[in-house]
Amino acid sequence: MSHEPILIVGAGGHARACIDVIEQEERFAIKGLVGLAKEV
């Protein structure tokens, strides 16, 4: 089964928590993060 691609906007602490949930769901393929250089 292919996973739907997703792009995360933001790269701070909340984004990390979202990534944890997204990875556990196994429904999406995280393609990248958009955020400030100091966050990434």
N, C-alpha and C. Protein backbone atom coordinates (compact mmCIF):
# COMPACT_ATOMS: atom_id res chain seq x y z
N MET A 1 0.85 -1.19 0.00
CA MET A 1 0.00 0.00 0.00
C MET A 1 0.89 1.24 0.00
N SER A 2 0.62 2.17 -0.90
CA SER A 2 1.44 3.39 -0.94
C SER A 2 0.91 4.41 0.06
N HIS A 3 1.84 5.14 0.61
CA HIS A 3 1.49 6.15 1.61
C HIS A 3 1.32 7.51 0.93
N GLU A 4 0.34 8.25 1.37
CA GLU A 4 0.08 9.60 0.85
C GLU A 4 1.23 10.52 1.26
N PRO A 5 1.82 11.28 0.33
CA PRO A 5 2.91 12.19 0.69
C PRO A 5 2.38 13.36 1.51
N ILE A 6 3.20 13.82 2.44
CA ILE A 6 2.82 14.95 3.29
C ILE A 6 4.05 15.81 3.54
N LEU A 7 3.85 17.12 3.64
CA LEU A 7 4.90 18.08 3.93
C LEU A 7 4.56 18.73 5.26
N ILE A 8 5.50 18.77 6.17
CA ILE A 8 5.28 19.35 7.49
C ILE A 8 5.71 20.82 7.46
N VAL A 9 4.82 21.71 7.86
CA VAL A 9 5.13 23.14 7.94
C VAL A 9 5.50 23.45 9.38
N GLY A 10 6.74 23.90 9.56
CA GLY A 10 7.28 24.14 10.89
C GLY A 10 8.24 23.01 11.24
N ALA A 11 9.20 23.30 12.08
CA ALA A 11 10.18 22.28 12.43
C ALA A 11 10.55 22.35 13.91
N GLY A 12 9.67 22.93 14.69
CA GLY A 12 9.93 23.05 16.12
C GLY A 12 9.42 21.85 16.90
N GLY A 13 9.22 22.05 18.17
CA GLY A 13 8.79 20.98 19.05
C GLY A 13 7.44 20.39 18.70
N HIS A 14 6.49 21.23 18.31
CA HIS A 14 5.17 20.73 17.94
C HIS A 14 5.25 19.88 16.68
N ALA A 15 6.09 20.29 15.74
CA ALA A 15 6.27 19.50 14.51
C ALA A 15 6.82 18.12 14.84
N ARG A 16 7.75 18.06 15.79
CA ARG A 16 8.31 16.75 16.19
C ARG A 16 7.23 15.86 16.77
N ALA A 17 6.36 16.43 17.58
CA ALA A 17 5.25 15.65 18.15
C ALA A 17 4.32 15.17 17.04
N CYS A 18 4.05 16.03 16.07
CA CYS A 18 3.20 15.65 14.94
C CYS A 18 3.84 14.53 14.14
N ILE A 19 5.15 14.61 13.93
CA ILE A 19 5.86 13.57 13.19
C ILE A 19 5.73 12.23 13.90
N ASP A 20 5.84 12.22 15.22
CA ASP A 20 5.68 10.97 15.98
C ASP A 20 4.32 10.34 15.71
N VAL A 21 3.27 11.15 15.75
CA VAL A 21 1.91 10.64 15.51
C VAL A 21 1.75 10.16 14.07
N ILE A 22 2.24 10.96 13.13
CA ILE A 22 2.13 10.61 11.71
C ILE A 22 2.84 9.29 11.43
N GLU A 23 4.03 9.11 11.99
CA GLU A 23 4.78 7.86 11.77
C GLU A 23 4.06 6.67 12.39
N GLN A 24 3.43 6.84 13.54
CA GLN A 24 2.71 5.75 14.18
C GLN A 24 1.49 5.32 13.37
N GLU A 25 0.85 6.27 12.70
CA GLU A 25 -0.34 5.98 11.91
C GLU A 25 -0.02 5.18 10.65
N GLU A 26 1.20 5.33 10.13
CA GLU A 26 1.64 4.62 8.92
C GLU A 26 0.72 4.84 7.72
N ARG A 27 0.14 6.04 7.60
CA ARG A 27 -0.73 6.38 6.47
C ARG A 27 -0.08 7.36 5.52
N PHE A 28 0.93 8.08 6.00
CA PHE A 28 1.55 9.14 5.22
C PHE A 28 3.05 8.92 5.10
N ALA A 29 3.63 9.46 4.03
CA ALA A 29 5.08 9.46 3.83
C ALA A 29 5.54 10.91 3.96
N ILE A 30 6.27 11.22 5.00
CA ILE A 30 6.75 12.58 5.22
C ILE A 30 7.84 12.87 4.18
N LYS A 31 7.59 13.86 3.35
CA LYS A 31 8.50 14.20 2.26
C LYS A 31 9.46 15.32 2.64
N GLY A 32 9.14 16.07 3.69
CA GLY A 32 10.05 17.14 4.08
C GLY A 32 9.44 18.05 5.12
N LEU A 33 10.28 18.95 5.62
CA LEU A 33 9.88 19.95 6.60
C LEU A 33 10.16 21.34 6.01
N VAL A 34 9.28 22.28 6.30
CA VAL A 34 9.49 23.67 5.91
C VAL A 34 9.56 24.47 7.20
N GLY A 35 10.68 25.13 7.42
CA GLY A 35 10.83 25.91 8.63
C GLY A 35 12.08 26.77 8.56
N LEU A 36 12.31 27.50 9.61
CA LEU A 36 13.50 28.33 9.69
C LEU A 36 14.74 27.44 9.82
N ALA A 37 15.85 27.92 9.30
CA ALA A 37 17.09 27.13 9.33
C ALA A 37 17.47 26.73 10.76
N LYS A 38 17.25 27.59 11.73
CA LYS A 38 17.61 27.26 13.11
C LYS A 38 16.70 26.18 13.70
N GLU A 39 15.49 26.00 13.14
CA GLU A 39 14.58 24.95 13.61
C GLU A 39 14.92 23.59 13.02
N VAL A 40 15.34 23.60 11.76
CA VAL A 40 15.62 22.36 11.05
C VAL A 40 16.97 21.90 11.48
